[in-house]
Amino acid sequence: MLIRTQEWDEKIRSVHGQFSDGIYLSYGKDLFKGGKLCTFPVLSRRTCELLGEPYPVAYRGAFIDYHLFDIFKRLKHVGHDRIRYLEEVVFEYLHYRIGKAAVDETYTKRGRFDADSIFMALIRARQVAAKSLKQALLSNQVTKYKPAQCKEVIPSTPLSALMTYSRRLLFDGELPWRRRIWLWFCGRYLSANGWLRPFVR
């Protein structure tokens, strides 16, 4: 990562000053995903304390940004928009996929799709986290944090993947339709298991 913006910390302080309760997710432009994902999330100490485990140890690297974004999208879906995208703050992501860096052990020591099952296993944890933040906003009551149970479910066939992802993602009413990423996960499963190779030259 390269920080391209002067006085970026002051801009983040400004966001922090908007929320007396300290509950928010802020992030800048990464020149890769843009506003679509909080590649480099900024959380207050209080938000971290309320979440208990803001960066779950179950993840080996990937999907932590999706995990946090998911929690705050759930919170927004119930009327509390605490996401602040700072387009003028540039944290350039030097990702190998866009030719800005060489592939190194950060990526080679784990498989591209390794975290998919962990993300699926932590859906309930994200639901609870969003409800805890909402409760803190409405009543200032804090739910005691309990470590999330991470029981990975890895579908064995495309049909079982379709059924699992439909049940857990497509019908997850605590997220807006466009954030349920059902189709994306189905595509990742097919790609990870080689089902798309006959159609890709």
N, C-alpha and C. Protein backbone atom coordinates (compact mmCIF):
# COMPACT_ATOMS: atom_id res chain seq x y z
N MET A 1 0.84 -1.19 0.00
CA MET A 1 0.00 0.00 0.00
C MET A 1 0.87 1.24 0.00
N LEU A 2 0.46 2.24 -0.77
CA LEU A 2 1.11 3.54 -0.75
C LEU A 2 0.07 4.61 -0.41
N ILE A 3 0.36 5.42 0.58
CA ILE A 3 -0.54 6.50 0.95
C ILE A 3 -0.23 7.70 0.06
N ARG A 4 -1.22 8.11 -0.74
CA ARG A 4 -1.01 9.15 -1.74
C ARG A 4 -1.55 10.52 -1.31
N THR A 5 -2.21 10.59 -0.16
CA THR A 5 -2.89 11.81 0.23
C THR A 5 -2.22 12.48 1.42
N GLN A 6 -1.91 13.75 1.26
CA GLN A 6 -1.35 14.53 2.36
C GLN A 6 -2.43 14.74 3.44
N GLU A 7 -2.02 14.73 4.69
CA GLU A 7 -2.91 14.98 5.82
C GLU A 7 -4.12 14.04 5.83
N TRP A 8 -3.88 12.81 5.41
CA TRP A 8 -4.95 11.82 5.40
C TRP A 8 -5.49 11.57 6.81
N ASP A 9 -4.61 11.65 7.80
CA ASP A 9 -5.06 11.39 9.17
C ASP A 9 -6.04 12.44 9.66
N GLU A 10 -5.86 13.69 9.21
CA GLU A 10 -6.79 14.75 9.61
C GLU A 10 -8.18 14.51 9.01
N LYS A 11 -8.21 13.97 7.82
CA LYS A 11 -9.50 13.68 7.17
C LYS A 11 -10.22 12.55 7.91
N ILE A 12 -9.46 11.60 8.41
CA ILE A 12 -10.07 10.51 9.18
C ILE A 12 -10.53 11.04 10.54
N ARG A 13 -9.75 11.93 11.13
CA ARG A 13 -10.17 12.56 12.38
C ARG A 13 -11.50 13.29 12.20
N SER A 14 -11.66 13.89 11.03
CA SER A 14 -12.90 14.61 10.74
C SER A 14 -14.09 13.66 10.73
N VAL A 15 -13.90 12.48 10.15
CA VAL A 15 -14.97 11.46 10.16
C VAL A 15 -15.26 11.05 11.60
N HIS A 16 -14.21 10.81 12.35
CA HIS A 16 -14.37 10.40 13.75
C HIS A 16 -15.19 11.43 14.54
N GLY A 17 -14.97 12.72 14.22
CA GLY A 17 -15.69 13.77 14.91
C GLY A 17 -17.18 13.83 14.60
N GLN A 18 -17.59 13.16 13.51
CA GLN A 18 -19.00 13.15 13.13
C GLN A 18 -19.85 12.25 14.02
N PHE A 19 -19.19 11.32 14.72
CA PHE A 19 -19.94 10.31 15.47
C PHE A 19 -19.52 10.32 16.94
N SER A 20 -20.34 10.92 17.75
CA SER A 20 -20.02 11.01 19.18
C SER A 20 -19.99 9.64 19.85
N ASP A 21 -20.71 8.67 19.26
CA ASP A 21 -20.74 7.31 19.83
C ASP A 21 -19.56 6.47 19.34
N GLY A 22 -18.80 6.97 18.38
CA GLY A 22 -17.61 6.26 17.90
C GLY A 22 -17.88 5.03 17.06
N ILE A 23 -19.10 4.89 16.52
CA ILE A 23 -19.44 3.70 15.74
C ILE A 23 -19.47 4.06 14.26
N TYR A 24 -18.51 3.57 13.52
CA TYR A 24 -18.45 3.83 12.08
C TYR A 24 -17.41 2.93 11.42
N LEU A 25 -17.51 2.87 10.10
CA LEU A 25 -16.51 2.22 9.26
C LEU A 25 -16.13 3.23 8.19
N SER A 26 -14.87 3.58 8.13
CA SER A 26 -14.41 4.53 7.14
C SER A 26 -13.32 3.88 6.29
N TYR A 27 -13.19 4.35 5.06
CA TYR A 27 -12.13 3.82 4.19
C TYR A 27 -11.91 4.76 3.02
N GLY A 28 -10.73 4.70 2.46
CA GLY A 28 -10.38 5.56 1.34
C GLY A 28 -10.40 4.82 0.01
N LYS A 29 -10.01 5.54 -1.01
CA LYS A 29 -9.95 4.97 -2.37
C LYS A 29 -8.67 4.18 -2.53
N ASP A 30 -8.79 2.93 -3.02
CA ASP A 30 -7.60 2.09 -3.15
C ASP A 30 -7.08 1.99 -4.59
N LEU A 31 -7.74 2.67 -5.53
CA LEU A 31 -7.39 2.64 -6.96
C LEU A 31 -7.50 1.23 -7.54
N PHE A 32 -8.32 0.41 -6.93
CA PHE A 32 -8.56 -0.96 -7.41
C PHE A 32 -10.06 -1.28 -7.31
N LYS A 33 -10.56 -1.34 -6.10
CA LYS A 33 -11.97 -1.62 -5.87
C LYS A 33 -12.81 -0.35 -5.72
N GLY A 34 -12.16 0.76 -5.44
CA GLY A 34 -12.89 2.01 -5.26
C GLY A 34 -13.81 1.96 -4.06
N GLY A 35 -15.02 2.49 -4.24
CA GLY A 35 -15.98 2.52 -3.15
C GLY A 35 -16.69 1.21 -2.90
N LYS A 36 -16.43 0.20 -3.75
CA LYS A 36 -17.15 -1.06 -3.65
C LYS A 36 -16.72 -1.93 -2.48
N LEU A 37 -15.55 -1.64 -1.91
CA LEU A 37 -15.03 -2.48 -0.84
C LEU A 37 -14.08 -1.68 0.04
N CYS A 38 -14.14 -1.94 1.35
CA CYS A 38 -13.25 -1.24 2.29
C CYS A 38 -11.93 -2.02 2.41
N THR A 39 -11.12 -1.94 1.37
CA THR A 39 -9.86 -2.68 1.34
C THR A 39 -8.99 -2.38 2.55
N PHE A 40 -8.94 -1.11 2.94
CA PHE A 40 -8.17 -0.71 4.12
C PHE A 40 -9.12 -0.03 5.11
N PRO A 41 -9.82 -0.83 5.90
CA PRO A 41 -10.85 -0.27 6.80
C PRO A 41 -10.25 0.51 7.96
N VAL A 42 -10.96 1.56 8.35
CA VAL A 42 -10.59 2.36 9.51
C VAL A 42 -11.73 2.27 10.52
N LEU A 43 -11.42 1.76 11.70
CA LEU A 43 -12.41 1.60 12.76
C LEU A 43 -11.93 2.34 14.01
N SER A 44 -12.87 2.85 14.77
CA SER A 44 -12.51 3.47 16.04
C SER A 44 -12.24 2.38 17.08
N ARG A 45 -11.61 2.78 18.16
CA ARG A 45 -11.37 1.83 19.25
C ARG A 45 -12.69 1.28 19.78
N ARG A 46 -13.70 2.16 19.91
CA ARG A 46 -14.97 1.71 20.46
C ARG A 46 -15.64 0.69 19.55
N THR A 47 -15.59 0.93 18.25
CA THR A 47 -16.17 -0.04 17.31
C THR A 47 -15.49 -1.39 17.47
N CYS A 48 -14.17 -1.38 17.57
CA CYS A 48 -13.42 -2.63 17.75
C CYS A 48 -13.84 -3.33 19.04
N GLU A 49 -14.01 -2.56 20.09
CA GLU A 49 -14.41 -3.15 21.37
C GLU A 49 -15.80 -3.74 21.30
N LEU A 50 -16.71 -3.06 20.61
CA LEU A 50 -18.08 -3.56 20.47
C LEU A 50 -18.13 -4.84 19.63
N LEU A 51 -17.30 -4.88 18.59
CA LEU A 51 -17.27 -6.07 17.73
C LEU A 51 -16.57 -7.23 18.43
N GLY A 52 -15.71 -6.94 19.37
CA GLY A 52 -15.02 -8.00 20.11
C GLY A 52 -13.85 -8.58 19.35
N GLU A 53 -14.13 -9.02 18.15
CA GLU A 53 -13.08 -9.57 17.28
C GLU A 53 -13.28 -8.99 15.88
N PRO A 54 -12.89 -7.73 15.70
CA PRO A 54 -13.15 -7.07 14.41
C PRO A 54 -12.46 -7.75 13.23
N TYR A 55 -11.30 -8.38 13.51
CA TYR A 55 -10.56 -9.08 12.46
C TYR A 55 -10.44 -10.55 12.86
N PRO A 56 -11.47 -11.34 12.60
CA PRO A 56 -11.51 -12.73 13.09
C PRO A 56 -10.26 -13.53 12.73
N VAL A 57 -9.73 -14.22 13.71
CA VAL A 57 -8.50 -14.98 13.50
C VAL A 57 -8.71 -16.18 12.58
N ALA A 58 -9.97 -16.55 12.36
CA ALA A 58 -10.24 -17.68 11.46
C ALA A 58 -9.79 -17.39 10.03
N TYR A 59 -9.81 -16.12 9.66
CA TYR A 59 -9.36 -15.76 8.32
C TYR A 59 -7.84 -15.83 8.24
N ARG A 60 -7.35 -16.30 7.10
CA ARG A 60 -5.92 -16.40 6.89
C ARG A 60 -5.36 -15.20 6.14
N GLY A 61 -6.22 -14.26 5.84
CA GLY A 61 -5.79 -13.06 5.14
C GLY A 61 -6.91 -12.46 4.32
N ALA A 62 -7.48 -13.23 3.42
CA ALA A 62 -8.55 -12.73 2.56
C ALA A 62 -9.88 -12.67 3.31
N PHE A 63 -10.76 -11.81 2.81
CA PHE A 63 -12.17 -11.70 3.22
C PHE A 63 -12.41 -10.89 4.49
N ILE A 64 -11.37 -10.40 5.17
CA ILE A 64 -11.62 -9.58 6.35
C ILE A 64 -12.34 -8.29 5.95
N ASP A 65 -11.95 -7.71 4.81
CA ASP A 65 -12.61 -6.49 4.34
C ASP A 65 -14.08 -6.77 4.00
N TYR A 66 -14.36 -7.89 3.33
CA TYR A 66 -15.75 -8.26 3.03
C TYR A 66 -16.53 -8.49 4.32
N HIS A 67 -15.88 -9.09 5.29
CA HIS A 67 -16.52 -9.40 6.57
C HIS A 67 -16.99 -8.11 7.25
N LEU A 68 -16.12 -7.12 7.36
CA LEU A 68 -16.48 -5.86 7.99
C LEU A 68 -17.52 -5.09 7.19
N PHE A 69 -17.36 -5.09 5.88
CA PHE A 69 -18.30 -4.38 5.01
C PHE A 69 -19.70 -4.99 5.16
N ASP A 70 -19.75 -6.30 5.25
CA ASP A 70 -21.02 -7.02 5.41
C ASP A 70 -21.72 -6.57 6.70
N ILE A 71 -20.99 -6.47 7.79
CA ILE A 71 -21.58 -6.06 9.07
C ILE A 71 -22.19 -4.66 8.96
N PHE A 72 -21.46 -3.75 8.37
CA PHE A 72 -21.96 -2.37 8.30
C PHE A 72 -23.03 -2.20 7.22
N LYS A 73 -23.05 -3.05 6.21
CA LYS A 73 -24.16 -3.03 5.25
C LYS A 73 -25.44 -3.52 5.92
N ARG A 74 -25.31 -4.47 6.82
CA ARG A 74 -26.47 -4.94 7.59
C ARG A 74 -27.00 -3.81 8.48
N LEU A 75 -26.08 -3.10 9.09
CA LEU A 75 -26.47 -1.99 9.95
C LEU A 75 -27.17 -0.90 9.13
N LYS A 76 -26.64 -0.62 7.95
CA LYS A 76 -27.26 0.37 7.07
C LYS A 76 -28.64 -0.08 6.63
N HIS A 77 -28.82 -1.37 6.40
CA HIS A 77 -30.09 -1.91 5.93
C HIS A 77 -31.21 -1.71 6.94
N VAL A 78 -30.86 -1.57 8.21
CA VAL A 78 -31.89 -1.34 9.24
C VAL A 78 -31.93 0.13 9.65
N GLY A 79 -31.37 1.01 8.81
CA GLY A 79 -31.54 2.43 9.00
C GLY A 79 -30.41 3.20 9.65
N HIS A 80 -29.25 2.57 9.81
CA HIS A 80 -28.13 3.25 10.45
C HIS A 80 -26.91 3.21 9.52
N ASP A 81 -26.80 4.23 8.70
CA ASP A 81 -25.69 4.28 7.74
C ASP A 81 -24.46 4.85 8.43
N ARG A 82 -23.54 3.99 8.79
CA ARG A 82 -22.31 4.40 9.46
C ARG A 82 -21.09 4.12 8.60
N ILE A 83 -21.27 4.06 7.30
CA ILE A 83 -20.17 3.84 6.37
C ILE A 83 -19.78 5.17 5.74
N ARG A 84 -18.50 5.48 5.81
CA ARG A 84 -18.01 6.71 5.21
C ARG A 84 -16.85 6.41 4.27
N TYR A 85 -17.11 6.61 2.98
CA TYR A 85 -16.09 6.40 1.95
C TYR A 85 -15.43 7.73 1.66
N LEU A 86 -14.13 7.81 1.89
CA LEU A 86 -13.37 9.03 1.66
C LEU A 86 -12.69 8.97 0.30
N GLU A 87 -13.39 9.41 -0.72
CA GLU A 87 -12.87 9.31 -2.08
C GLU A 87 -11.62 10.14 -2.28
N GLU A 88 -11.47 11.21 -1.49
CA GLU A 88 -10.31 12.08 -1.66
C GLU A 88 -9.08 11.56 -0.92
N VAL A 89 -9.25 10.50 -0.14
CA VAL A 89 -8.12 9.89 0.56
C VAL A 89 -7.68 8.65 -0.21
N VAL A 90 -6.49 8.68 -0.77
CA VAL A 90 -6.03 7.58 -1.62
C VAL A 90 -4.99 6.72 -0.90
N PHE A 91 -5.38 5.47 -0.66
CA PHE A 91 -4.45 4.44 -0.18
C PHE A 91 -4.30 3.45 -1.33
N GLU A 92 -3.27 3.62 -2.12
CA GLU A 92 -3.13 2.81 -3.33
C GLU A 92 -2.78 1.36 -2.99
N TYR A 93 -3.60 0.46 -3.51
CA TYR A 93 -3.42 -0.97 -3.26
C TYR A 93 -2.49 -1.54 -4.32
N LEU A 94 -1.32 -1.98 -3.90
CA LEU A 94 -0.34 -2.52 -4.84
C LEU A 94 -0.58 -4.02 -5.03
N HIS A 95 -1.67 -4.34 -5.68
CA HIS A 95 -2.07 -5.74 -5.85
C HIS A 95 -1.47 -6.33 -7.13
N TYR A 96 -1.05 -7.57 -7.03
CA TYR A 96 -0.42 -8.21 -8.19
C TYR A 96 -1.39 -8.39 -9.35
N ARG A 97 -2.69 -8.49 -9.04
CA ARG A 97 -3.67 -8.72 -10.11
C ARG A 97 -3.78 -7.56 -11.07
N ILE A 98 -3.37 -6.38 -10.65
CA ILE A 98 -3.41 -5.22 -11.54
C ILE A 98 -2.00 -4.76 -11.91
N GLY A 99 -1.04 -5.68 -11.74
CA GLY A 99 0.32 -5.43 -12.20
C GLY A 99 1.13 -4.44 -11.40
N LYS A 100 0.76 -4.22 -10.15
CA LYS A 100 1.48 -3.24 -9.34
C LYS A 100 2.49 -3.87 -8.38
N ALA A 101 2.54 -5.18 -8.37
CA ALA A 101 3.49 -5.88 -7.50
C ALA A 101 3.65 -7.31 -8.02
N ALA A 102 4.71 -7.94 -7.55
CA ALA A 102 4.92 -9.35 -7.91
C ALA A 102 4.16 -10.23 -6.92
N VAL A 103 3.82 -11.42 -7.35
CA VAL A 103 3.17 -12.37 -6.45
C VAL A 103 4.19 -12.82 -5.42
N ASP A 104 3.81 -12.76 -4.14
CA ASP A 104 4.73 -13.18 -3.09
C ASP A 104 4.01 -14.14 -2.14
N GLU A 105 4.65 -14.44 -1.01
CA GLU A 105 4.09 -15.43 -0.08
C GLU A 105 2.77 -15.00 0.53
N THR A 106 2.49 -13.71 0.52
CA THR A 106 1.20 -13.24 1.02
C THR A 106 0.07 -13.98 0.34
N TYR A 107 0.26 -14.26 -0.95
CA TYR A 107 -0.79 -14.91 -1.73
C TYR A 107 -0.50 -16.38 -2.01
N THR A 108 0.78 -16.74 -2.18
CA THR A 108 1.09 -18.12 -2.54
C THR A 108 0.93 -19.09 -1.39
N LYS A 109 1.02 -18.61 -0.15
CA LYS A 109 0.90 -19.54 0.98
C LYS A 109 -0.54 -19.91 1.30
N ARG A 110 -1.49 -19.31 0.61
CA ARG A 110 -2.89 -19.69 0.78
C ARG A 110 -3.55 -19.76 -0.59
N GLY A 111 -4.55 -20.58 -0.70
CA GLY A 111 -5.27 -20.72 -1.95
C GLY A 111 -6.21 -19.55 -2.19
N ARG A 112 -6.51 -19.28 -3.42
CA ARG A 112 -7.36 -18.13 -3.77
C ARG A 112 -8.75 -18.25 -3.15
N PHE A 113 -9.24 -19.48 -3.01
CA PHE A 113 -10.61 -19.67 -2.53
C PHE A 113 -10.67 -20.24 -1.11
N ASP A 114 -9.55 -20.23 -0.41
CA ASP A 114 -9.50 -20.84 0.92
C ASP A 114 -10.47 -20.21 1.92
N ALA A 115 -10.67 -18.91 1.82
CA ALA A 115 -11.47 -18.20 2.83
C ALA A 115 -12.97 -18.23 2.55
N ASP A 116 -13.38 -18.76 1.42
CA ASP A 116 -14.81 -18.77 1.08
C ASP A 116 -15.63 -19.48 2.14
N SER A 117 -15.18 -20.66 2.54
CA SER A 117 -15.93 -21.45 3.51
C SER A 117 -15.94 -20.77 4.89
N ILE A 118 -14.87 -20.05 5.22
CA ILE A 118 -14.81 -19.33 6.50
C ILE A 118 -15.81 -18.18 6.49
N PHE A 119 -15.86 -17.45 5.40
CA PHE A 119 -16.80 -16.35 5.27
C PHE A 119 -18.23 -16.86 5.43
N MET A 120 -18.52 -17.99 4.81
CA MET A 120 -19.85 -18.59 4.93
C MET A 120 -20.12 -19.02 6.37
N ALA A 121 -19.12 -19.58 7.02
CA ALA A 121 -19.29 -20.08 8.39
C ALA A 121 -19.54 -18.95 9.39
N LEU A 122 -19.10 -17.74 9.05
CA LEU A 122 -19.22 -16.61 9.98
C LEU A 122 -20.42 -15.71 9.70
N ILE A 123 -21.35 -16.18 8.88
CA ILE A 123 -22.54 -15.38 8.60
C ILE A 123 -23.28 -15.04 9.88
N ARG A 124 -23.51 -16.04 10.72
CA ARG A 124 -24.23 -15.80 11.97
C ARG A 124 -23.47 -14.80 12.85
N ALA A 125 -22.17 -14.88 12.87
CA ALA A 125 -21.36 -13.94 13.66
C ALA A 125 -21.56 -12.51 13.17
N ARG A 126 -21.67 -12.33 11.85
CA ARG A 126 -21.87 -10.99 11.30
C ARG A 126 -23.28 -10.47 11.62
N GLN A 127 -24.24 -11.36 11.60
CA GLN A 127 -25.60 -10.98 11.97
C GLN A 127 -25.64 -10.49 13.42
N VAL A 128 -25.01 -11.23 14.30
CA VAL A 128 -24.96 -10.85 15.72
C VAL A 128 -24.20 -9.54 15.91
N ALA A 129 -23.11 -9.37 15.19
CA ALA A 129 -22.30 -8.15 15.30
C ALA A 129 -23.11 -6.92 14.90
N ALA A 130 -23.85 -7.03 13.78
CA ALA A 130 -24.66 -5.90 13.33
C ALA A 130 -25.75 -5.56 14.35
N LYS A 131 -26.36 -6.57 14.93
CA LYS A 131 -27.40 -6.34 15.94
C LYS A 131 -26.81 -5.71 17.20
N SER A 132 -25.59 -6.10 17.55
CA SER A 132 -24.93 -5.53 18.72
C SER A 132 -24.63 -4.04 18.50
N LEU A 133 -24.18 -3.69 17.30
CA LEU A 133 -23.93 -2.29 17.00
C LEU A 133 -25.22 -1.49 17.02
N LYS A 134 -26.28 -2.06 16.46
CA LYS A 134 -27.58 -1.39 16.47
C LYS A 134 -28.05 -1.16 17.91
N GLN A 135 -27.91 -2.15 18.75
CA GLN A 135 -28.32 -2.03 20.15
C GLN A 135 -27.54 -0.92 20.86
N ALA A 136 -26.24 -0.86 20.57
CA ALA A 136 -25.40 0.18 21.18
C ALA A 136 -25.82 1.56 20.71
N LEU A 137 -26.25 1.67 19.46
CA LEU A 137 -26.69 2.96 18.92
C LEU A 137 -28.02 3.40 19.52
N LEU A 138 -28.93 2.47 19.71
CA LEU A 138 -30.28 2.80 20.16
C LEU A 138 -30.38 2.98 21.67
N SER A 139 -29.64 2.17 22.41
CA SER A 139 -29.83 2.19 23.86
C SER A 139 -28.53 2.32 24.65
N ASN A 140 -27.43 2.35 23.92
CA ASN A 140 -26.11 2.39 24.56
C ASN A 140 -25.84 1.16 25.41
N GLN A 141 -26.63 0.12 25.21
CA GLN A 141 -26.38 -1.14 25.90
C GLN A 141 -25.42 -1.97 25.05
N VAL A 142 -24.54 -2.63 25.71
CA VAL A 142 -23.53 -3.42 25.01
C VAL A 142 -23.74 -4.89 25.28
N THR A 143 -23.87 -5.66 24.21
CA THR A 143 -23.99 -7.11 24.34
C THR A 143 -22.61 -7.70 24.58
N LYS A 144 -22.51 -8.55 25.58
CA LYS A 144 -21.22 -9.16 25.89
C LYS A 144 -20.75 -10.00 24.71
N TYR A 145 -19.53 -9.76 24.29
CA TYR A 145 -18.99 -10.47 23.14
C TYR A 145 -18.75 -11.95 23.45
N LYS A 146 -19.17 -12.78 22.51
CA LYS A 146 -18.89 -14.21 22.60
C LYS A 146 -18.14 -14.63 21.35
N PRO A 147 -17.03 -15.32 21.50
CA PRO A 147 -16.26 -15.76 20.32
C PRO A 147 -17.14 -16.53 19.33
N ALA A 148 -17.00 -16.20 18.06
CA ALA A 148 -17.82 -16.84 17.03
C ALA A 148 -17.40 -18.28 16.81
N GLN A 149 -18.39 -19.13 16.63
CA GLN A 149 -18.12 -20.51 16.26
C GLN A 149 -17.94 -20.57 14.75
N CYS A 150 -16.85 -21.14 14.33
CA CYS A 150 -16.55 -21.17 12.89
C CYS A 150 -16.51 -22.62 12.40
N LYS A 151 -17.66 -23.12 12.02
CA LYS A 151 -17.77 -24.47 11.49
C LYS A 151 -17.89 -24.38 9.97
N GLU A 152 -16.79 -24.67 9.33
CA GLU A 152 -16.76 -24.53 7.87
C GLU A 152 -17.63 -25.58 7.19
N VAL A 153 -18.36 -25.13 6.20
CA VAL A 153 -19.18 -26.02 5.39
C VAL A 153 -18.68 -25.92 3.95
N ILE A 154 -18.18 -27.03 3.44
CA ILE A 154 -17.64 -27.04 2.09
C ILE A 154 -18.50 -27.96 1.23
N PRO A 155 -19.33 -27.38 0.36
CA PRO A 155 -20.20 -28.21 -0.50
C PRO A 155 -19.39 -29.17 -1.36
N SER A 156 -19.93 -30.35 -1.55
CA SER A 156 -19.20 -31.38 -2.31
C SER A 156 -19.59 -31.44 -3.78
N THR A 157 -20.73 -30.86 -4.14
CA THR A 157 -21.19 -30.87 -5.53
C THR A 157 -21.79 -29.51 -5.87
N PRO A 158 -21.88 -29.20 -7.16
CA PRO A 158 -22.52 -27.93 -7.55
C PRO A 158 -23.95 -27.80 -7.01
N LEU A 159 -24.68 -28.91 -6.96
CA LEU A 159 -26.05 -28.86 -6.46
C LEU A 159 -26.07 -28.51 -4.97
N SER A 160 -25.20 -29.13 -4.20
CA SER A 160 -25.15 -28.82 -2.76
C SER A 160 -24.67 -27.40 -2.53
N ALA A 161 -23.78 -26.91 -3.40
CA ALA A 161 -23.31 -25.52 -3.29
C ALA A 161 -24.47 -24.57 -3.57
N LEU A 162 -25.25 -24.87 -4.60
CA LEU A 162 -26.40 -24.05 -4.96
C LEU A 162 -27.39 -23.98 -3.80
N MET A 163 -27.66 -25.12 -3.18
CA MET A 163 -28.62 -25.17 -2.08
C MET A 163 -28.07 -24.44 -0.85
N THR A 164 -26.80 -24.66 -0.54
CA THR A 164 -26.19 -24.02 0.62
C THR A 164 -26.13 -22.51 0.46
N TYR A 165 -25.67 -22.04 -0.69
CA TYR A 165 -25.54 -20.62 -0.92
C TYR A 165 -26.90 -19.94 -1.03
N SER A 166 -27.87 -20.65 -1.56
CA SER A 166 -29.22 -20.08 -1.64
C SER A 166 -29.79 -19.88 -0.24
N ARG A 167 -29.64 -20.91 0.59
CA ARG A 167 -30.18 -20.84 1.95
C ARG A 167 -29.48 -19.77 2.79
N ARG A 168 -28.16 -19.70 2.66
CA ARG A 168 -27.40 -18.81 3.54
C ARG A 168 -27.20 -17.40 2.98
N LEU A 169 -27.18 -17.25 1.68
CA LEU A 169 -26.91 -15.95 1.08
C LEU A 169 -28.13 -15.34 0.41
N LEU A 170 -28.73 -16.09 -0.51
CA LEU A 170 -29.83 -15.54 -1.30
C LEU A 170 -31.02 -15.15 -0.43
N PHE A 171 -31.28 -15.93 0.61
CA PHE A 171 -32.44 -15.68 1.46
C PHE A 171 -32.08 -14.98 2.77
N ASP A 172 -30.94 -14.33 2.79
CA ASP A 172 -30.52 -13.58 3.98
C ASP A 172 -31.18 -12.20 3.94
N GLY A 173 -32.32 -12.09 4.57
CA GLY A 173 -33.09 -10.85 4.52
C GLY A 173 -32.52 -9.69 5.30
N GLU A 174 -31.42 -9.91 6.01
CA GLU A 174 -30.81 -8.83 6.77
C GLU A 174 -29.85 -7.99 5.94
N LEU A 175 -29.74 -8.36 4.66
CA LEU A 175 -28.92 -7.60 3.71
C LEU A 175 -29.77 -7.18 2.52
N PRO A 176 -29.45 -6.04 1.89
CA PRO A 176 -30.15 -5.68 0.66
C PRO A 176 -29.81 -6.69 -0.44
N TRP A 177 -30.67 -6.83 -1.42
CA TRP A 177 -30.48 -7.83 -2.47
C TRP A 177 -29.10 -7.78 -3.11
N ARG A 178 -28.63 -6.59 -3.44
CA ARG A 178 -27.36 -6.47 -4.18
C ARG A 178 -26.14 -6.82 -3.35
N ARG A 179 -26.33 -6.93 -2.02
CA ARG A 179 -25.20 -7.26 -1.15
C ARG A 179 -25.19 -8.72 -0.73
N ARG A 180 -26.07 -9.55 -1.29
CA ARG A 180 -26.15 -10.94 -0.84
C ARG A 180 -25.14 -11.84 -1.56
N ILE A 181 -24.49 -11.34 -2.56
CA ILE A 181 -23.37 -11.96 -3.30
C ILE A 181 -23.57 -13.47 -3.56
N TRP A 182 -24.79 -13.87 -3.76
CA TRP A 182 -25.11 -15.28 -4.02
C TRP A 182 -24.49 -15.74 -5.34
N LEU A 183 -24.73 -14.99 -6.40
CA LEU A 183 -24.23 -15.38 -7.72
C LEU A 183 -22.71 -15.40 -7.74
N TRP A 184 -22.09 -14.43 -7.09
CA TRP A 184 -20.63 -14.34 -7.03
C TRP A 184 -20.06 -15.58 -6.34
N PHE A 185 -20.67 -16.01 -5.23
CA PHE A 185 -20.17 -17.17 -4.52
C PHE A 185 -20.37 -18.45 -5.33
N CYS A 186 -21.47 -18.54 -6.04
CA CYS A 186 -21.69 -19.72 -6.90
C CYS A 186 -20.60 -19.78 -7.97
N GLY A 187 -20.28 -18.64 -8.55
CA GLY A 187 -19.23 -18.59 -9.56
C GLY A 187 -17.87 -18.95 -8.99
N ARG A 188 -17.59 -18.49 -7.77
CA ARG A 188 -16.31 -18.82 -7.13
C ARG A 188 -16.23 -20.33 -6.85
N TYR A 189 -17.33 -20.92 -6.45
CA TYR A 189 -17.32 -22.36 -6.18
C TYR A 189 -17.03 -23.13 -7.46
N LEU A 190 -17.70 -22.77 -8.54
CA LEU A 190 -17.50 -23.46 -9.81
C LEU A 190 -16.07 -23.29 -10.30
N SER A 191 -15.53 -22.09 -10.14
CA SER A 191 -14.16 -21.83 -10.56
C SER A 191 -13.16 -22.60 -9.71
N ALA A 192 -13.37 -22.61 -8.40
CA ALA A 192 -12.45 -23.29 -7.49
C ALA A 192 -12.39 -24.78 -7.74
N ASN A 193 -13.49 -25.35 -8.20
CA ASN A 193 -13.56 -26.79 -8.39
C ASN A 193 -13.44 -27.22 -9.85
N GLY A 194 -13.05 -26.29 -10.70
CA GLY A 194 -12.77 -26.63 -12.09
C GLY A 194 -13.97 -26.84 -12.97
N TRP A 195 -15.15 -26.47 -12.49
CA TRP A 195 -16.36 -26.71 -13.29
C TRP A 195 -16.48 -25.75 -14.47
N LEU A 196 -15.73 -24.64 -14.43
CA LEU A 196 -15.81 -23.65 -15.51
C LEU A 196 -14.78 -23.87 -16.60
N ARG A 197 -13.84 -24.79 -16.35
CA ARG A 197 -12.76 -24.98 -17.35
C ARG A 197 -13.24 -25.35 -18.74
N PRO A 198 -14.27 -26.20 -18.90
CA PRO A 198 -14.71 -26.53 -20.26
C PRO A 198 -15.22 -25.32 -21.02
N PHE A 199 -15.59 -24.22 -20.30
CA PHE A 199 -16.16 -23.07 -20.96
C PHE A 199 -15.17 -21.92 -21.11
N VAL A 200 -13.96 -22.11 -20.56
CA VAL A 200 -12.95 -21.06 -20.60
C VAL A 200 -11.77 -21.53 -21.45
N ARG A 201 -11.40 -20.76 -22.43
CA ARG A 201 -10.29 -21.13 -23.29
C ARG A 201 -9.05 -20.36 -22.88
